[in-house]
């Protein structure tokens, strides 16, 4: 005898199926909710880790920058100290060189002055006395003549250098052009001029000769005029 399936049976089966479907949907909702929660938690953890890493990297960069800035400051300070030391050495060297040049110049003047009267009288220029370091500072005019040999209306201005260069000769010629303006008491003298040097740059003696200047140079333990007898000095 077979069992018959009734509508009640079918309805009960439908209800059971619906209940199972609801249960599975509920499980799926819980799973998705958990998955969303885990994803949110992981995202927050990653964000926190990233923020911490950025913070750590920023701190490292700040520390490194501070180290580099400190190193740059140290090197700058060291460079300033070295520069100040170099400037001090240069200043002392310049002072020493200036003092040595001044003493050397005085030595040459001491060599030339005692011989000036003799060597110019031998050339027919009758100076009888010499003046050292003739200076004038007035009304915008500044001039210094190392040695001036003079007697009455005759005078010889002498520029003395340890080492005579063309620049020295040109500068002296400029001074000679304004000599009588600077020293009006000698405005009526017949002025000749000479350059003197222990060492003379190549060709400078000939250049001075062509400008009408006597050239005085050391010869042994004395100084002499080296211009030949055909030389005719310029008169200022």
C-alpha atoms as a PDB file:
ATOM      1  CA  UNK A   1       0.000   0.000   0.000  1.00  0.00           C
ATOM      2  CA  UNK A   2       1.617   3.277  -1.193  1.00  0.00           C
ATOM      3  CA  UNK A   3       1.819   6.499   0.844  1.00  0.00           C
ATOM      4  CA  UNK A   4       0.221   9.515  -0.833  1.00  0.00           C
ATOM      5  CA  UNK A   5       1.827  12.996  -0.691  1.00  0.00           C
ATOM      6  CA  UNK A   6      -0.515  15.634   0.448  1.00  0.00           C
ATOM      7  CA  UNK A   7      -0.486  19.399   0.016  1.00  0.00           C
ATOM      8  CA  UNK A   8       0.266  19.627   3.700  1.00  0.00           C
ATOM      9  CA  UNK A   9       3.388  17.581   3.105  1.00  0.00           C
ATOM     10  CA  UNK A  10       4.452  19.806   0.252  1.00  0.00           C
ATOM     11  CA  UNK A  11       3.843  22.957   2.333  1.00  0.00           C
ATOM     12  CA  UNK A  12       5.847  21.533   5.220  1.00  0.00           C
ATOM     13  CA  UNK A  13       8.667  20.665   2.809  1.00  0.00           C
ATOM     14  CA  UNK A  14       8.565  24.214   1.411  1.00  0.00           C
ATOM     15  CA  UNK A  15       8.695  25.672   4.894  1.00  0.00           C
ATOM     16  CA  UNK A  16      11.662  23.456   5.754  1.00  0.00           C
ATOM     17  CA  UNK A  17      13.458  24.554   2.566  1.00  0.00           C
ATOM     18  CA  UNK A  18      12.705  28.199   3.300  1.00  0.00           C
ATOM     19  CA  UNK A  19      14.008  27.858   6.828  1.00  0.00           C
ATOM     20  CA  UNK A  20      17.242  26.303   5.516  1.00  0.00           C
ATOM     21  CA  UNK A  21      17.593  29.079   2.964  1.00  0.00           C
ATOM     22  CA  UNK A  22      17.050  31.719   5.670  1.00  0.00           C
ATOM     23  CA  UNK A  23      19.605  30.021   7.855  1.00  0.00           C
ATOM     24  CA  UNK A  24      22.185  29.993   5.042  1.00  0.00           C
ATOM     25  CA  UNK A  25      21.460  33.613   4.131  1.00  0.00           C
ATOM     26  CA  UNK A  26      21.915  34.511   7.791  1.00  0.00           C
ATOM     27  CA  UNK A  27      25.245  32.652   7.849  1.00  0.00           C
ATOM     28  CA  UNK A  28      26.270  34.439   4.641  1.00  0.00           C
ATOM     29  CA  UNK A  29      25.342  37.823   6.182  1.00  0.00           C
ATOM     30  CA  UNK A  30      27.349  37.007   9.306  1.00  0.00           C
ATOM     31  CA  UNK A  31      30.312  35.903   7.129  1.00  0.00           C
ATOM     32  CA  UNK A  32      30.144  39.036   5.021  1.00  0.00           C
ATOM     33  CA  UNK A  33      29.807  41.192   8.126  1.00  0.00           C
ATOM     34  CA  UNK A  34      32.836  39.481   9.678  1.00  0.00           C
ATOM     35  CA  UNK A  35      34.723  39.833   6.396  1.00  0.00           C
ATOM     36  CA  UNK A  36      33.877  43.533   6.273  1.00  0.00           C
ATOM     37  CA  UNK A  37      34.894  43.948   9.914  1.00  0.00           C
ATOM     38  CA  UNK A  38      38.194  42.099   9.310  1.00  0.00           C
ATOM     39  CA  UNK A  39      38.822  44.181   6.196  1.00  0.00           C
ATOM     40  CA  UNK A  40      38.123  47.409   8.100  1.00  0.00           C
ATOM     41  CA  UNK A  41      40.351  46.319  10.983  1.00  0.00           C
ATOM     42  CA  UNK A  42      43.174  45.368   8.584  1.00  0.00           C
ATOM     43  CA  UNK A  43      42.738  48.621   6.686  1.00  0.00           C
ATOM     44  CA  UNK A  44      42.968  50.564   9.950  1.00  0.00           C
ATOM     45  CA  UNK A  45      46.017  48.535  10.985  1.00  0.00           C
ATOM     46  CA  UNK A  46      47.694  49.166   7.606  1.00  0.00           C
ATOM     47  CA  UNK A  47      46.810  52.860   7.811  1.00  0.00           C
ATOM     48  CA  UNK A  48      48.265  53.010  11.331  1.00  0.00           C
ATOM     49  CA  UNK A  49      51.398  51.148  10.204  1.00  0.00           C
ATOM     50  CA  UNK A  50      51.745  53.475   7.185  1.00  0.00           C
ATOM     51  CA  UNK A  51      51.294  56.553   9.380  1.00  0.00           C
ATOM     52  CA  UNK A  52      53.858  55.217  11.848  1.00  0.00           C
ATOM     53  CA  UNK A  53      56.263  54.429   9.012  1.00  0.00           C
ATOM     54  CA  UNK A  54      55.815  57.908   7.569  1.00  0.00           C
ATOM     55  CA  UNK A  55      56.329  59.390  11.000  1.00  0.00           C
ATOM     56  CA  UNK A  56      59.476  57.310  11.486  1.00  0.00           C
ATOM     57  CA  UNK A  57      60.790  58.241   8.036  1.00  0.00           C
ATOM     58  CA  UNK A  58      60.023  61.918   8.652  1.00  0.00           C
ATOM     59  CA  UNK A  59      61.842  61.750  11.970  1.00  0.00           C
ATOM     60  CA  UNK A  60      64.801  60.058  10.244  1.00  0.00           C
ATOM     61  CA  UNK A  61      64.840  62.723   7.531  1.00  0.00           C
ATOM     62  CA  UNK A  62      64.674  65.469  10.185  1.00  0.00           C
ATOM     63  CA  UNK A  63      67.537  63.854  12.078  1.00  0.00           C
ATOM     64  CA  UNK A  64      69.620  63.474   8.906  1.00  0.00           C
ATOM     65  CA  UNK A  65      68.871  67.032   7.829  1.00  0.00           C
ATOM     66  CA  UNK A  66      69.891  68.289  11.270  1.00  0.00           C
ATOM     67  CA  UNK A  67      73.139  66.306  11.003  1.00  0.00           C
ATOM     68  CA  UNK A  68      73.840  67.708   7.526  1.00  0.00           C
ATOM     69  CA  UNK A  69      73.019  71.253   8.668  1.00  0.00           C
ATOM     70  CA  UNK A  70      75.291  70.853  11.680  1.00  0.00           C
ATOM     71  CA  UNK A  71      78.062  69.491   9.447  1.00  0.00           C
ATOM     72  CA  UNK A  72      77.586  72.390   7.012  1.00  0.00           C
ATOM     73  CA  UNK A  73      77.751  74.873   9.895  1.00  0.00           C
ATOM     74  CA  UNK A  74      80.880  73.189  11.222  1.00  0.00           C
ATOM     75  CA  UNK A  75      82.568  73.294   7.827  1.00  0.00           C
ATOM     76  CA  UNK A  76      81.528  76.914   7.305  1.00  0.00           C
ATOM     77  CA  UNK A  77      82.933  77.841  10.696  1.00  0.00           C
ATOM     78  CA  UNK A  78      86.133  75.943   9.909  1.00  0.00           C
ATOM     79  CA  UNK A  79      86.366  77.689   6.521  1.00  0.00           C
ATOM     80  CA  UNK A  80      85.891  81.075   8.202  1.00  0.00           C
ATOM     81  CA  UNK A  81      88.630  80.243  10.709  1.00  0.00           C
ATOM     82  CA  UNK A  82      90.976  79.178   7.904  1.00  0.00           C
ATOM     83  CA  UNK A  83      90.110  82.283   5.882  1.00  0.00           C
ATOM     84  CA  UNK A  84      90.707  84.519   8.894  1.00  0.00           C
ATOM     85  CA  UNK A  85      94.022  82.751   9.505  1.00  0.00           C
ATOM     86  CA  UNK A  86      94.989  83.088   5.831  1.00  0.00           C
ATOM     87  CA  UNK A  87      94.052  86.790   5.858  1.00  0.00           C
ATOM     88  CA  UNK A  88      96.112  87.305   9.011  1.00  0.00           C
ATOM     89  CA  UNK A  89      99.087  85.525   7.426  1.00  0.00           C
ATOM     90  CA  UNK A  90      98.659  87.567   4.232  1.00  0.00           C
ATOM     91  CA  UNK A  91      98.438  90.800   6.221  1.00  0.00           C
ATOM     92  CA  UNK A  92     101.558  89.923   8.212  1.00  0.00           C
ATOM     93  CA  UNK A  93     103.344  88.893   5.011  1.00  0.00           C
ATOM     94  CA  UNK A  94     102.366  92.122   3.276  1.00  0.00           C
ATOM     95  CA  UNK A  95     103.505  94.085   6.296  1.00  0.00           C
ATOM     96  CA  UNK A  96     106.816  92.230   6.347  1.00  0.00           C
ATOM     97  CA  UNK A  97     107.286  92.653   2.595  1.00  0.00           C
ATOM     98  CA  UNK A  98     106.386  96.344   2.851  1.00  0.00           C
ATOM     99  CA  UNK A  99     108.849  96.832   5.679  1.00  0.00           C
ATOM    100  CA  UNK A 100     111.534  94.914   3.790  1.00  0.00           C
ATOM    101  CA  UNK A 101     110.851  96.905   0.615  1.00  0.00           C
ATOM    102  CA  UNK A 102     111.010 100.142   2.569  1.00  0.00           C
ATOM    103  CA  UNK A 103     114.329  99.171   4.194  1.00  0.00           C
ATOM    104  CA  UNK A 104     115.692  98.012   0.834  1.00  0.00           C
ATOM    105  CA  UNK A 105     114.572 101.291  -0.743  1.00  0.00           C
ATOM    106  CA  UNK A 106     116.302 103.247   2.030  1.00  0.00           C
ATOM    107  CA  UNK A 107     119.429 101.183   1.451  1.00  0.00           C
ATOM    108  CA  UNK A 108     119.416 102.113  -2.244  1.00  0.00           C
ATOM    109  CA  UNK A 109     118.793 105.769  -1.416  1.00  0.00           C
ATOM    110  CA  UNK A 110     121.713 105.658   1.016  1.00  0.00           C
ATOM    111  CA  UNK A 111     123.812 104.277  -1.812  1.00  0.00           C
ATOM    112  CA  UNK A 112     122.706 106.854  -4.404  1.00  0.00           C
ATOM    113  CA  UNK A 113     122.555 110.072  -2.375  1.00  0.00           C
ATOM    114  CA  UNK A 114     126.228 110.314  -1.354  1.00  0.00           C
ATOM    115  CA  UNK A 115     127.263 109.776  -4.981  1.00  0.00           C
ATOM    116  CA  UNK A 116     124.692 112.113  -6.557  1.00  0.00           C
ATOM    117  CA  UNK A 117     126.746 115.320  -6.383  1.00  0.00           C
ATOM    118  CA  UNK A 118     129.840 113.619  -7.805  1.00  0.00           C
ATOM    119  CA  UNK A 119     128.195 111.715 -10.681  1.00  0.00           C
ATOM    120  CA  UNK A 120     126.203 114.708 -11.900  1.00  0.00           C
ATOM    121  CA  UNK A 121     129.101 117.124 -11.618  1.00  0.00           C
ATOM    122  CA  UNK A 122     131.041 114.683 -13.785  1.00  0.00           C
ATOM    123  CA  UNK A 123     128.291 115.214 -16.377  1.00  0.00           C
ATOM    124  CA  UNK A 124     128.544 118.994 -16.116  1.00  0.00           C
ATOM    125  CA  UNK A 125     125.458 119.450 -13.910  1.00  0.00           C
ATOM    126  CA  UNK A 126     126.711 121.511 -10.996  1.00  0.00           C
ATOM    127  CA  UNK A 127     124.493 120.333  -8.116  1.00  0.00           C
ATOM    128  CA  UNK A 128     126.192 120.866  -4.751  1.00  0.00           C
ATOM    129  CA  UNK A 129     123.695 119.493  -2.237  1.00  0.00           C
ATOM    130  CA  UNK A 130     120.974 116.860  -1.968  1.00  0.00           C
ATOM    131  CA  UNK A 131     117.629 116.691  -0.216  1.00  0.00           C
ATOM    132  CA  UNK A 132     115.953 113.407   0.826  1.00  0.00           C
ATOM    133  CA  UNK A 133     112.256 112.586   0.687  1.00  0.00           C
ATOM    134  CA  UNK A 134     110.972 115.910  -0.568  1.00  0.00           C
ATOM    135  CA  UNK A 135     107.214 115.786   0.130  1.00  0.00           C
ATOM    136  CA  UNK A 136     104.266 117.995  -0.691  1.00  0.00           C
ATOM    137  CA  UNK A 137     100.596 117.578   0.248  1.00  0.00           C
ATOM    138  CA  UNK A 138      98.378 120.525  -0.571  1.00  0.00           C
ATOM    139  CA  UNK A 139      95.273 121.454  -2.559  1.00  0.00           C
ATOM    140  CA  UNK A 140      94.796 117.960  -3.942  1.00  0.00           C
ATOM    141  CA  UNK A 141      98.473 117.591  -4.902  1.00  0.00           C
ATOM    142  CA  UNK A 142     100.524 114.841  -3.289  1.00  0.00           C
ATOM    143  CA  UNK A 143     104.062 114.137  -4.396  1.00  0.00           C
ATOM    144  CA  UNK A 144     107.268 112.693  -3.018  1.00  0.00           C
ATOM    145  CA  UNK A 145     110.698 112.966  -4.621  1.00  0.00           C
ATOM    146  CA  UNK A 146     113.211 110.445  -3.279  1.00  0.00           C
ATOM    147  CA  UNK A 147     116.304 112.607  -3.822  1.00  0.00           C
ATOM    148  CA  UNK A 148     116.663 116.138  -5.168  1.00  0.00           C
ATOM    149  CA  UNK A 149     120.102 117.382  -6.124  1.00  0.00           C
ATOM    150  CA  UNK A 150     120.178 121.183  -6.349  1.00  0.00           C
ATOM    151  CA  UNK A 151     122.322 124.317  -6.612  1.00  0.00           C
ATOM    152  CA  UNK A 152     120.809 127.654  -7.477  1.00  0.00           C
ATOM    153  CA  UNK A 153     118.789 127.379 -10.667  1.00  0.00           C
ATOM    154  CA  UNK A 154     119.860 123.787 -11.413  1.00  0.00           C
ATOM    155  CA  UNK A 155     118.172 120.693 -10.006  1.00  0.00           C
ATOM    156  CA  UNK A 156     117.997 116.940 -10.608  1.00  0.00           C
ATOM    157  CA  UNK A 157     115.041 114.861  -9.353  1.00  0.00           C
ATOM    158  CA  UNK A 158     115.971 111.227  -8.719  1.00  0.00           C
ATOM    159  CA  UNK A 159     113.540 108.309  -8.411  1.00  0.00           C
ATOM    160  CA  UNK A 160     115.099 105.364  -6.546  1.00  0.00           C
ATOM    161  CA  UNK A 161     113.845 101.775  -6.751  1.00  0.00           C
ATOM    162  CA  UNK A 162     115.404  98.481  -5.624  1.00  0.00           C
ATOM    163  CA  UNK A 163     114.099  97.054  -8.904  1.00  0.00           C
ATOM    164  CA  UNK A 164     113.243  99.521 -11.647  1.00  0.00           C
ATOM    165  CA  UNK A 165     110.367  98.689 -14.006  1.00  0.00           C
ATOM    166  CA  UNK A 166     108.760 100.476 -16.956  1.00  0.00           C
ATOM    167  CA  UNK A 167     105.771 101.213 -14.733  1.00  0.00           C
ATOM    168  CA  UNK A 168     108.097 102.970 -12.273  1.00  0.00           C
ATOM    169  CA  UNK A 169     109.519 105.091 -15.103  1.00  0.00           C
ATOM    170  CA  UNK A 170     106.061 106.052 -16.398  1.00  0.00           C
ATOM    171  CA  UNK A 171     104.876 106.981 -12.897  1.00  0.00           C
ATOM    172  CA  UNK A 172     107.965 109.124 -12.369  1.00  0.00           C
ATOM    173  CA  UNK A 173     107.400 110.907 -15.684  1.00  0.00           C
ATOM    174  CA  UNK A 174     103.876 111.786 -14.517  1.00  0.00           C
ATOM    175  CA  UNK A 175     105.297 113.238 -11.314  1.00  0.00           C
ATOM    176  CA  UNK A 176     107.861 115.282 -13.244  1.00  0.00           C
ATOM    177  CA  UNK A 177     105.070 116.812 -15.347  1.00  0.00           C
ATOM    178  CA  UNK A 178     103.589 118.292 -12.152  1.00  0.00           C
ATOM    179  CA  UNK A 179     106.808 118.833 -10.184  1.00  0.00           C
ATOM    180  CA  UNK A 180     106.864 122.634 -10.411  1.00  0.00           C
ATOM    181  CA  UNK A 181     103.156 122.825  -9.602  1.00  0.00           C
ATOM    182  CA  UNK A 182     103.742 120.753  -6.481  1.00  0.00           C
ATOM    183  CA  UNK A 183     106.946 122.588  -5.510  1.00  0.00           C
ATOM    184  CA  UNK A 184     106.498 126.194  -6.678  1.00  0.00           C
ATOM    185  CA  UNK A 185     109.689 127.285  -4.891  1.00  0.00           C
ATOM    186  CA  UNK A 186     111.555 125.394  -7.640  1.00  0.00           C
ATOM    187  CA  UNK A 187     109.441 126.777 -10.487  1.00  0.00           C
ATOM    188  CA  UNK A 188     112.412 128.651 -12.017  1.00  0.00           C
ATOM    189  CA  UNK A 189     115.004 125.858 -11.880  1.00  0.00           C
ATOM    190  CA  UNK A 190     116.363 123.980 -14.840  1.00  0.00           C
ATOM    191  CA  UNK A 191     115.133 120.519 -13.862  1.00  0.00           C
ATOM    192  CA  UNK A 192     116.727 117.305 -15.090  1.00  0.00           C
ATOM    193  CA  UNK A 193     115.750 113.870 -13.800  1.00  0.00           C
ATOM    194  CA  UNK A 194     117.172 110.416 -13.206  1.00  0.00           C
ATOM    195  CA  UNK A 195     116.017 106.920 -12.268  1.00  0.00           C
ATOM    196  CA  UNK A 196     118.131 104.595 -10.148  1.00  0.00           C
ATOM    197  CA  UNK A 197     117.876 100.886  -9.442  1.00  0.00           C
ATOM    198  CA  UNK A 198     119.984  98.037  -8.143  1.00  0.00           C
ATOM    199  CA  UNK A 199     118.134  95.824 -10.624  1.00  0.00           C
ATOM    200  CA  UNK A 200     116.625  97.158 -13.834  1.00  0.00           C
ATOM    201  CA  UNK A 201     114.111  95.176 -15.872  1.00  0.00           C
ATOM    202  CA  UNK A 202     115.235  94.268 -19.365  1.00  0.00           C
ATOM    203  CA  UNK A 203     114.960  97.190 -21.788  1.00  0.00           C
ATOM    204  CA  UNK A 204     113.869  99.673 -19.111  1.00  0.00           C
ATOM    205  CA  UNK A 205     117.245 101.457 -19.118  1.00  0.00           C
ATOM    206  CA  UNK A 206     116.903 102.119 -22.853  1.00  0.00           C
ATOM    207  CA  UNK A 207     113.289 103.203 -22.386  1.00  0.00           C
ATOM    208  CA  UNK A 208     114.268 105.691 -19.662  1.00  0.00           C
ATOM    209  CA  UNK A 209     117.128 106.928 -21.857  1.00  0.00           C
ATOM    210  CA  UNK A 210     114.676 107.696 -24.682  1.00  0.00           C
ATOM    211  CA  UNK A 211     112.468 109.645 -22.254  1.00  0.00           C
ATOM    212  CA  UNK A 212     115.401 111.955 -21.463  1.00  0.00           C
ATOM    213  CA  UNK A 213     116.191 110.445 -18.059  1.00  0.00           C
ATOM    214  CA  UNK A 214     119.594 109.717 -16.621  1.00  0.00           C
ATOM    215  CA  UNK A 215     119.909 106.064 -15.562  1.00  0.00           C
ATOM    216  CA  UNK A 216     121.877 105.316 -12.402  1.00  0.00           C
ATOM    217  CA  UNK A 217     122.984 101.753 -11.686  1.00  0.00           C
ATOM    218  CA  UNK A 218     125.284 100.002  -9.276  1.00  0.00           C
ATOM    219  CA  UNK A 219     128.792  99.370 -10.513  1.00  0.00           C
ATOM    220  CA  UNK A 220     130.786  97.355  -8.015  1.00  0.00           C
ATOM    221  CA  UNK A 221     130.477  99.083  -4.647  1.00  0.00           C
ATOM    222  CA  UNK A 222     129.459 102.451  -6.102  1.00  0.00           C
ATOM    223  CA  UNK A 223     126.751 103.779  -8.395  1.00  0.00           C
ATOM    224  CA  UNK A 224     127.330 105.418 -11.764  1.00  0.00           C
ATOM    225  CA  UNK A 225     125.358 107.056 -14.564  1.00  0.00           C
ATOM    226  CA  UNK A 226     125.219 104.514 -17.403  1.00  0.00           C
ATOM    227  CA  UNK A 227     124.025 106.897 -20.159  1.00  0.00           C
ATOM    228  CA  UNK A 228     126.594 107.353 -22.924  1.00  0.00           C
ATOM    229  CA  UNK A 229     128.265 110.706 -23.622  1.00  0.00           C
ATOM    230  CA  UNK A 230     125.901 111.400 -26.523  1.00  0.00           C
ATOM    231  CA  UNK A 231     122.924 111.545 -24.166  1.00  0.00           C
ATOM    232  CA  UNK A 232     121.081 114.861 -23.903  1.00  0.00           C
ATOM    233  CA  UNK A 233     118.813 115.058 -20.816  1.00  0.00           C
ATOM    234  CA  UNK A 234     115.310 116.431 -21.025  1.00  0.00           C
ATOM    235  CA  UNK A 235     114.610 119.682 -19.174  1.00  0.00           C
ATOM    236  CA  UNK A 236     111.351 120.048 -17.239  1.00  0.00           C
END
